[in-house]
Amino acid sequence: MFKLSVSVGIALLALIGLSWALTGWQPPVVMAEQVPDGPVAPAAPLTLPQPWLSDDDVVDAPYDNPPAPIVDGLISPGEYAGAGKVTFPGYGGDDKVFFKHDGSNLYFAFG
């Protein structure tokens, strides 16, 4: 397993180096800005509106008593029954994300 990880890492580094060489990649040029003589006011922070729990785009992770999902890389039938679900478009069709919590852990499943 270790040899495979090292081999994959070396192959990725070689691929990145080759792509930089073929595209003529150059680091961005950094220019110094002229600083005004007086004090400079900091930029105003960007703020987003606070979501309300009743909004359509707010998702809830339902509380679920045991049994908690088994973290084994598989989604067993009924394991995420009653879980919250978000569906969004993907390349091969719609992707689903299931989520629920047991009071101490938050579980996600991508299916």
N, C-alpha and C. Protein backbone atom coordinates (compact mmCIF):
# COMPACT_ATOMS: atom_id res chain seq x y z
N MET A 1 0.83 -1.19 0.00
CA MET A 1 0.00 0.00 0.00
C MET A 1 0.87 1.25 0.00
N PHE A 2 1.96 1.21 0.78
CA PHE A 2 2.85 2.37 0.85
C PHE A 2 3.52 2.62 -0.50
N LYS A 3 3.98 1.53 -1.15
CA LYS A 3 4.64 1.68 -2.44
C LYS A 3 3.68 2.25 -3.48
N LEU A 4 2.42 1.83 -3.42
CA LEU A 4 1.42 2.34 -4.34
C LEU A 4 1.20 3.83 -4.11
N SER A 5 1.12 4.25 -2.86
CA SER A 5 0.91 5.67 -2.54
C SER A 5 2.08 6.51 -3.03
N VAL A 6 3.30 6.02 -2.82
CA VAL A 6 4.49 6.75 -3.28
C VAL A 6 4.50 6.83 -4.80
N SER A 7 4.18 5.73 -5.46
CA SER A 7 4.16 5.71 -6.93
C SER A 7 3.13 6.68 -7.48
N VAL A 8 1.95 6.71 -6.89
CA VAL A 8 0.91 7.62 -7.34
C VAL A 8 1.33 9.06 -7.10
N GLY A 9 1.95 9.34 -5.95
CA GLY A 9 2.42 10.69 -5.65
C GLY A 9 3.47 11.16 -6.64
N ILE A 10 4.43 10.30 -6.97
CA ILE A 10 5.47 10.66 -7.94
C ILE A 10 4.86 10.88 -9.31
N ALA A 11 3.91 10.04 -9.70
CA ALA A 11 3.26 10.20 -11.00
C ALA A 11 2.50 11.52 -11.07
N LEU A 12 1.82 11.90 -9.99
CA LEU A 12 1.09 13.18 -9.98
C LEU A 12 2.04 14.36 -10.07
N LEU A 13 3.16 14.30 -9.36
CA LEU A 13 4.14 15.38 -9.44
C LEU A 13 4.71 15.50 -10.86
N ALA A 14 4.99 14.36 -11.48
CA ALA A 14 5.50 14.39 -12.85
C ALA A 14 4.46 14.95 -13.81
N LEU A 15 3.20 14.60 -13.62
CA LEU A 15 2.14 15.11 -14.48
C LEU A 15 1.97 16.61 -14.32
N ILE A 16 2.03 17.10 -13.09
CA ILE A 16 1.91 18.54 -12.86
C ILE A 16 3.09 19.27 -13.49
N GLY A 17 4.30 18.75 -13.31
CA GLY A 17 5.48 19.37 -13.92
C GLY A 17 5.40 19.38 -15.43
N LEU A 18 4.93 18.30 -16.01
CA LEU A 18 4.79 18.23 -17.46
C LEU A 18 3.76 19.22 -17.97
N SER A 19 2.64 19.34 -17.26
CA SER A 19 1.61 20.28 -17.71
C SER A 19 2.10 21.72 -17.60
N TRP A 20 2.87 22.04 -16.56
CA TRP A 20 3.43 23.39 -16.45
C TRP A 20 4.42 23.65 -17.58
N ALA A 21 5.24 22.66 -17.91
CA ALA A 21 6.23 22.84 -18.97
C ALA A 21 5.55 23.02 -20.32
N LEU A 22 4.49 22.27 -20.58
CA LEU A 22 3.82 22.35 -21.88
C LEU A 22 2.98 23.60 -22.04
N THR A 23 2.46 24.14 -20.98
CA THR A 23 1.61 25.33 -21.09
C THR A 23 2.39 26.62 -20.94
N GLY A 24 3.68 26.53 -20.69
CA GLY A 24 4.47 27.74 -20.53
C GLY A 24 4.10 28.51 -19.28
N TRP A 25 3.79 27.80 -18.22
CA TRP A 25 3.35 28.44 -16.99
C TRP A 25 4.46 29.30 -16.42
N GLN A 26 4.08 30.49 -16.02
CA GLN A 26 5.02 31.38 -15.35
C GLN A 26 4.35 31.91 -14.10
N PRO A 27 5.14 32.12 -13.05
CA PRO A 27 4.53 32.63 -11.82
C PRO A 27 3.97 34.02 -12.04
N PRO A 28 2.91 34.38 -11.32
CA PRO A 28 2.33 35.71 -11.49
C PRO A 28 3.31 36.79 -11.04
N VAL A 29 3.27 37.90 -11.73
CA VAL A 29 4.13 39.02 -11.39
C VAL A 29 3.43 39.83 -10.29
N VAL A 30 4.15 40.08 -9.23
CA VAL A 30 3.59 40.83 -8.11
C VAL A 30 4.13 42.25 -8.16
N MET A 31 3.22 43.21 -8.17
CA MET A 31 3.62 44.62 -8.21
C MET A 31 3.29 45.25 -6.87
N ALA A 32 4.18 46.09 -6.39
CA ALA A 32 3.93 46.81 -5.15
C ALA A 32 2.96 47.95 -5.42
N GLU A 33 2.01 48.14 -4.50
CA GLU A 33 1.06 49.23 -4.65
C GLU A 33 1.61 50.48 -3.98
N GLN A 34 1.22 51.61 -4.52
CA GLN A 34 1.62 52.86 -3.91
C GLN A 34 0.70 53.12 -2.71
N VAL A 35 1.29 53.35 -1.56
CA VAL A 35 0.53 53.55 -0.33
C VAL A 35 0.25 55.04 -0.18
N PRO A 36 -1.01 55.43 0.08
CA PRO A 36 -1.31 56.85 0.27
C PRO A 36 -0.64 57.38 1.54
N ASP A 37 -0.49 58.70 1.61
CA ASP A 37 0.21 59.31 2.74
C ASP A 37 -0.58 59.26 4.04
N GLY A 38 -1.89 59.31 3.99
CA GLY A 38 -2.70 59.35 5.20
C GLY A 38 -3.08 57.97 5.67
N PRO A 39 -3.86 57.91 6.76
CA PRO A 39 -4.33 56.61 7.24
C PRO A 39 -5.29 55.97 6.25
N VAL A 40 -5.24 54.68 6.18
CA VAL A 40 -6.08 53.94 5.25
C VAL A 40 -7.18 53.23 6.04
N ALA A 41 -8.42 53.47 5.64
CA ALA A 41 -9.55 52.82 6.31
C ALA A 41 -9.65 51.37 5.82
N PRO A 42 -9.87 50.44 6.72
CA PRO A 42 -10.01 49.05 6.28
C PRO A 42 -11.27 48.87 5.45
N ALA A 43 -11.20 47.92 4.56
CA ALA A 43 -12.36 47.63 3.72
C ALA A 43 -13.49 47.09 4.59
N ALA A 44 -14.69 47.43 4.22
CA ALA A 44 -15.86 46.94 4.97
C ALA A 44 -16.00 45.44 4.75
N PRO A 45 -16.26 44.68 5.80
CA PRO A 45 -16.40 43.23 5.62
C PRO A 45 -17.66 42.90 4.83
N LEU A 46 -17.56 41.85 4.04
CA LEU A 46 -18.71 41.39 3.29
C LEU A 46 -19.63 40.63 4.24
N THR A 47 -20.88 40.94 4.19
CA THR A 47 -21.82 40.25 5.06
C THR A 47 -22.89 39.57 4.22
N LEU A 48 -23.30 38.44 4.68
CA LEU A 48 -24.36 37.69 4.02
C LEU A 48 -25.60 37.75 4.90
N PRO A 49 -26.77 37.69 4.31
CA PRO A 49 -27.97 37.69 5.14
C PRO A 49 -28.03 36.43 5.99
N GLN A 50 -28.53 36.57 7.19
CA GLN A 50 -28.65 35.43 8.09
C GLN A 50 -29.80 34.53 7.62
N PRO A 51 -29.55 33.22 7.51
CA PRO A 51 -30.65 32.33 7.09
C PRO A 51 -31.62 32.10 8.24
N TRP A 52 -32.85 31.92 7.90
CA TRP A 52 -33.88 31.57 8.87
C TRP A 52 -34.15 30.08 8.73
N LEU A 53 -34.49 29.44 9.82
CA LEU A 53 -34.74 28.00 9.76
C LEU A 53 -35.92 27.65 8.88
N SER A 54 -36.78 28.62 8.59
CA SER A 54 -37.93 28.35 7.74
C SER A 54 -37.62 28.55 6.26
N ASP A 55 -36.43 29.04 5.93
CA ASP A 55 -36.08 29.24 4.52
C ASP A 55 -36.00 27.90 3.80
N ASP A 56 -36.29 27.93 2.49
CA ASP A 56 -36.25 26.70 1.70
C ASP A 56 -34.85 26.14 1.56
N ASP A 57 -33.83 27.01 1.58
CA ASP A 57 -32.47 26.53 1.35
C ASP A 57 -31.75 26.12 2.65
N VAL A 58 -32.42 26.12 3.77
CA VAL A 58 -31.83 25.65 5.03
C VAL A 58 -32.22 24.19 5.21
N VAL A 59 -31.20 23.35 5.46
CA VAL A 59 -31.41 21.92 5.56
C VAL A 59 -31.24 21.49 7.01
N ASP A 60 -32.03 20.55 7.44
CA ASP A 60 -31.97 20.06 8.81
C ASP A 60 -31.38 18.66 8.83
N ALA A 61 -30.50 18.41 9.79
CA ALA A 61 -29.97 17.07 10.00
C ALA A 61 -30.78 16.44 11.12
N PRO A 62 -31.73 15.57 10.79
CA PRO A 62 -32.61 15.01 11.81
C PRO A 62 -31.86 14.20 12.86
N TYR A 63 -32.36 14.27 14.09
CA TYR A 63 -31.81 13.45 15.17
C TYR A 63 -32.33 12.03 15.00
N ASP A 64 -31.44 11.07 15.17
CA ASP A 64 -31.83 9.68 15.00
C ASP A 64 -31.28 8.87 16.16
N ASN A 65 -32.16 8.20 16.87
CA ASN A 65 -31.71 7.31 17.92
C ASN A 65 -30.98 6.13 17.31
N PRO A 66 -30.21 5.41 18.11
CA PRO A 66 -29.48 4.27 17.56
C PRO A 66 -30.40 3.34 16.80
N PRO A 67 -29.94 2.64 15.85
CA PRO A 67 -28.53 2.47 15.55
C PRO A 67 -27.98 3.60 14.69
N ALA A 68 -26.79 4.04 15.02
CA ALA A 68 -26.12 5.05 14.22
C ALA A 68 -25.57 4.39 12.96
N PRO A 69 -25.36 5.16 11.90
CA PRO A 69 -24.78 4.58 10.69
C PRO A 69 -23.40 3.99 10.98
N ILE A 70 -23.08 2.92 10.31
CA ILE A 70 -21.77 2.29 10.44
C ILE A 70 -20.87 2.93 9.39
N VAL A 71 -19.75 3.48 9.82
CA VAL A 71 -18.83 4.15 8.91
C VAL A 71 -17.93 3.08 8.30
N ASP A 72 -18.37 2.53 7.16
CA ASP A 72 -17.62 1.46 6.50
C ASP A 72 -17.48 1.69 5.00
N GLY A 73 -17.90 2.86 4.52
CA GLY A 73 -17.80 3.16 3.10
C GLY A 73 -18.97 2.65 2.28
N LEU A 74 -19.92 2.01 2.90
CA LEU A 74 -21.09 1.49 2.21
C LEU A 74 -22.35 2.11 2.80
N ILE A 75 -23.36 2.28 1.98
CA ILE A 75 -24.66 2.74 2.47
C ILE A 75 -25.59 1.53 2.43
N SER A 76 -25.85 0.98 3.59
CA SER A 76 -26.72 -0.19 3.69
C SER A 76 -28.18 0.23 3.58
N PRO A 77 -29.05 -0.66 3.09
CA PRO A 77 -30.47 -0.32 3.01
C PRO A 77 -31.02 0.04 4.39
N GLY A 78 -31.71 1.15 4.48
CA GLY A 78 -32.31 1.60 5.72
C GLY A 78 -31.37 2.32 6.66
N GLU A 79 -30.07 2.35 6.34
CA GLU A 79 -29.10 2.98 7.23
C GLU A 79 -29.34 4.49 7.36
N TYR A 80 -29.76 5.11 6.28
CA TYR A 80 -30.04 6.54 6.30
C TYR A 80 -31.53 6.82 6.10
N ALA A 81 -32.38 5.88 6.51
CA ALA A 81 -33.82 6.10 6.45
C ALA A 81 -34.18 7.22 7.42
N GLY A 82 -34.96 8.16 6.99
CA GLY A 82 -35.33 9.28 7.83
C GLY A 82 -34.29 10.37 7.90
N ALA A 83 -33.21 10.23 7.16
CA ALA A 83 -32.15 11.25 7.17
C ALA A 83 -32.55 12.42 6.29
N GLY A 84 -31.93 13.57 6.53
CA GLY A 84 -32.11 14.70 5.64
C GLY A 84 -31.45 14.40 4.31
N LYS A 85 -31.95 14.99 3.24
CA LYS A 85 -31.39 14.70 1.92
C LYS A 85 -31.37 15.97 1.09
N VAL A 86 -30.25 16.18 0.40
CA VAL A 86 -30.13 17.28 -0.56
C VAL A 86 -29.74 16.65 -1.88
N THR A 87 -30.41 17.04 -2.95
CA THR A 87 -30.11 16.54 -4.29
C THR A 87 -29.66 17.71 -5.14
N PHE A 88 -28.56 17.50 -5.88
CA PHE A 88 -28.08 18.54 -6.77
C PHE A 88 -27.57 17.90 -8.05
N PRO A 89 -27.60 18.64 -9.17
CA PRO A 89 -27.20 18.05 -10.45
C PRO A 89 -25.70 17.79 -10.48
N GLY A 90 -25.34 16.65 -11.06
CA GLY A 90 -23.94 16.28 -11.23
C GLY A 90 -23.68 15.90 -12.67
N TYR A 91 -22.48 15.42 -12.96
CA TYR A 91 -22.10 15.08 -14.33
C TYR A 91 -22.82 13.83 -14.83
N GLY A 92 -22.99 12.83 -13.97
CA GLY A 92 -23.62 11.60 -14.40
C GLY A 92 -25.07 11.49 -13.98
N GLY A 93 -25.68 12.57 -13.58
CA GLY A 93 -27.05 12.56 -13.09
C GLY A 93 -27.12 13.31 -11.77
N ASP A 94 -28.22 13.14 -11.07
CA ASP A 94 -28.38 13.83 -9.80
C ASP A 94 -27.55 13.16 -8.71
N ASP A 95 -26.88 13.98 -7.91
CA ASP A 95 -26.12 13.49 -6.76
C ASP A 95 -26.93 13.76 -5.50
N LYS A 96 -26.85 12.84 -4.56
CA LYS A 96 -27.60 12.97 -3.31
C LYS A 96 -26.63 12.98 -2.13
N VAL A 97 -26.93 13.81 -1.14
CA VAL A 97 -26.19 13.83 0.11
C VAL A 97 -27.19 13.59 1.23
N PHE A 98 -26.96 12.54 2.02
CA PHE A 98 -27.80 12.23 3.16
C PHE A 98 -27.06 12.64 4.43
N PHE A 99 -27.79 13.11 5.44
CA PHE A 99 -27.14 13.51 6.68
C PHE A 99 -28.10 13.36 7.84
N LYS A 100 -27.53 12.96 8.98
CA LYS A 100 -28.29 12.87 10.22
C LYS A 100 -27.29 12.88 11.37
N HIS A 101 -27.80 13.05 12.59
CA HIS A 101 -26.91 13.05 13.75
C HIS A 101 -27.53 12.21 14.86
N ASP A 102 -26.67 11.77 15.77
CA ASP A 102 -27.14 10.95 16.89
C ASP A 102 -26.98 11.65 18.23
N GLY A 103 -26.82 12.95 18.23
CA GLY A 103 -26.66 13.70 19.47
C GLY A 103 -25.21 14.04 19.76
N SER A 104 -24.27 13.27 19.21
CA SER A 104 -22.86 13.58 19.42
C SER A 104 -22.05 13.56 18.13
N ASN A 105 -22.53 12.91 17.10
CA ASN A 105 -21.82 12.84 15.82
C ASN A 105 -22.76 13.22 14.69
N LEU A 106 -22.18 13.84 13.66
CA LEU A 106 -22.92 14.19 12.46
C LEU A 106 -22.45 13.26 11.35
N TYR A 107 -23.37 12.58 10.69
CA TYR A 107 -23.04 11.60 9.66
C TYR A 107 -23.48 12.11 8.30
N PHE A 108 -22.61 11.94 7.29
CA PHE A 108 -22.90 12.29 5.91
C PHE A 108 -22.72 11.06 5.05
N ALA A 109 -23.54 10.92 4.03
CA ALA A 109 -23.38 9.85 3.05
C ALA A 109 -23.63 10.45 1.68
N PHE A 110 -22.74 10.17 0.75
CA PHE A 110 -22.86 10.67 -0.62
C PHE A 110 -23.24 9.50 -1.49
N GLY A 111 -24.38 9.61 -2.16
CA GLY A 111 -24.81 8.47 -2.97
C GLY A 111 -25.44 8.87 -4.26
